[in-house]
Amino acid sequence: MHRLLANIHQQLDRRPDAIKEYSRYLGLWDACDPALQPEVDGAKAELASLIAEPR
């Protein structure tokens, strides 16, 4: 759910909310099974790009 909310906030240009939801998602899924790691890595990349974006 947090990943979906992050995507929605990102599309609506609600950057702070997207960052918050990606962070929540990663906090829950960071130690996931190896099969799910690509999904987590994608979320990490999205979060990093949001943080690095100039406002």
C-alpha atoms as a PDB file:
ATOM      1  CA  MET A   1       0.000   0.000   0.000  1.00  0.00           C
ATOM      2  CA  HIS A   2       2.810   2.453   0.847  1.00  0.00           C
ATOM      3  CA  ARG A   3       4.470   1.874  -2.522  1.00  0.00           C
ATOM      4  CA  LEU A   4       1.208   2.565  -4.332  1.00  0.00           C
ATOM      5  CA  LEU A   5       0.585   5.706  -2.282  1.00  0.00           C
ATOM      6  CA  ALA A   6       4.134   6.872  -3.013  1.00  0.00           C
ATOM      7  CA  ASN A   7       3.528   6.442  -6.743  1.00  0.00           C
ATOM      8  CA  ILE A   8       0.252   8.352  -6.552  1.00  0.00           C
ATOM      9  CA  HIS A   9       1.803  11.222  -4.603  1.00  0.00           C
ATOM     10  CA  GLN A  10       4.708  11.320  -7.025  1.00  0.00           C
ATOM     11  CA  GLN A  11       2.367  11.583 -10.023  1.00  0.00           C
ATOM     12  CA  LEU A  12       0.391  14.343  -8.297  1.00  0.00           C
ATOM     13  CA  ASP A  13       3.643  16.234  -7.618  1.00  0.00           C
ATOM     14  CA  ARG A  14       3.300  15.835  -3.857  1.00  0.00           C
ATOM     15  CA  ARG A  15       6.982  15.234  -3.296  1.00  0.00           C
ATOM     16  CA  PRO A  16       7.099  15.337   0.530  1.00  0.00           C
ATOM     17  CA  ASP A  17       4.252  12.834   0.762  1.00  0.00           C
ATOM     18  CA  ALA A  18       5.882  10.549  -1.818  1.00  0.00           C
ATOM     19  CA  ILE A  19       9.161  10.630   0.108  1.00  0.00           C
ATOM     20  CA  LYS A  20       7.337   9.774   3.329  1.00  0.00           C
ATOM     21  CA  GLU A  21       5.521   6.811   1.761  1.00  0.00           C
ATOM     22  CA  TYR A  22       8.643   5.446   0.038  1.00  0.00           C
ATOM     23  CA  SER A  23      10.448   5.665   3.373  1.00  0.00           C
ATOM     24  CA  ARG A  24       7.663   3.777   5.118  1.00  0.00           C
ATOM     25  CA  TYR A  25       7.665   1.125   2.405  1.00  0.00           C
ATOM     26  CA  LEU A  26      11.414   0.655   2.630  1.00  0.00           C
ATOM     27  CA  GLY A  27      11.271   0.439   6.407  1.00  0.00           C
ATOM     28  CA  LEU A  28       8.873  -2.471   6.112  1.00  0.00           C
ATOM     29  CA  TRP A  29      10.423  -4.268   3.140  1.00  0.00           C
ATOM     30  CA  ASP A  30      14.157  -3.589   3.413  1.00  0.00           C
ATOM     31  CA  ALA A  31      14.897  -7.109   4.720  1.00  0.00           C
ATOM     32  CA  CYS A  32      12.643  -8.895   2.240  1.00  0.00           C
ATOM     33  CA  ASP A  33      13.155 -12.216   0.503  1.00  0.00           C
ATOM     34  CA  PRO A  34      15.701 -12.110  -2.334  1.00  0.00           C
ATOM     35  CA  ALA A  35      12.967 -12.657  -4.931  1.00  0.00           C
ATOM     36  CA  LEU A  36      11.378  -9.346  -3.940  1.00  0.00           C
ATOM     37  CA  GLN A  37      14.636  -7.399  -3.803  1.00  0.00           C
ATOM     38  CA  PRO A  38      14.283  -5.901  -7.326  1.00  0.00           C
ATOM     39  CA  GLU A  39      11.023  -4.244  -6.236  1.00  0.00           C
ATOM     40  CA  VAL A  40      12.707  -2.815  -3.137  1.00  0.00           C
ATOM     41  CA  ASP A  41      15.695  -1.650  -5.187  1.00  0.00           C
ATOM     42  CA  GLY A  42      13.301   0.172  -7.519  1.00  0.00           C
ATOM     43  CA  ALA A  43      11.701   1.945  -4.587  1.00  0.00           C
ATOM     44  CA  LYS A  44      15.135   2.914  -3.263  1.00  0.00           C
ATOM     45  CA  ALA A  45      15.995   4.387  -6.661  1.00  0.00           C
ATOM     46  CA  GLU A  46      12.735   6.356  -6.786  1.00  0.00           C
ATOM     47  CA  LEU A  47      13.303   7.695  -3.282  1.00  0.00           C
ATOM     48  CA  ALA A  48      16.871   8.680  -4.113  1.00  0.00           C
ATOM     49  CA  SER A  49      15.730  10.535  -7.232  1.00  0.00           C
ATOM     50  CA  LEU A  50      13.048  12.406  -5.276  1.00  0.00           C
ATOM     51  CA  ILE A  51      15.543  13.428  -2.608  1.00  0.00           C
ATOM     52  CA  ALA A  52      18.123  14.489  -5.199  1.00  0.00           C
ATOM     53  CA  GLU A  53      15.641  16.549  -7.272  1.00  0.00           C
ATOM     54  CA  PRO A  54      15.934  20.277  -6.838  1.00  0.00           C
ATOM     55  CA  ARG A  55      12.738  21.789  -5.487  1.00  0.00           C
END
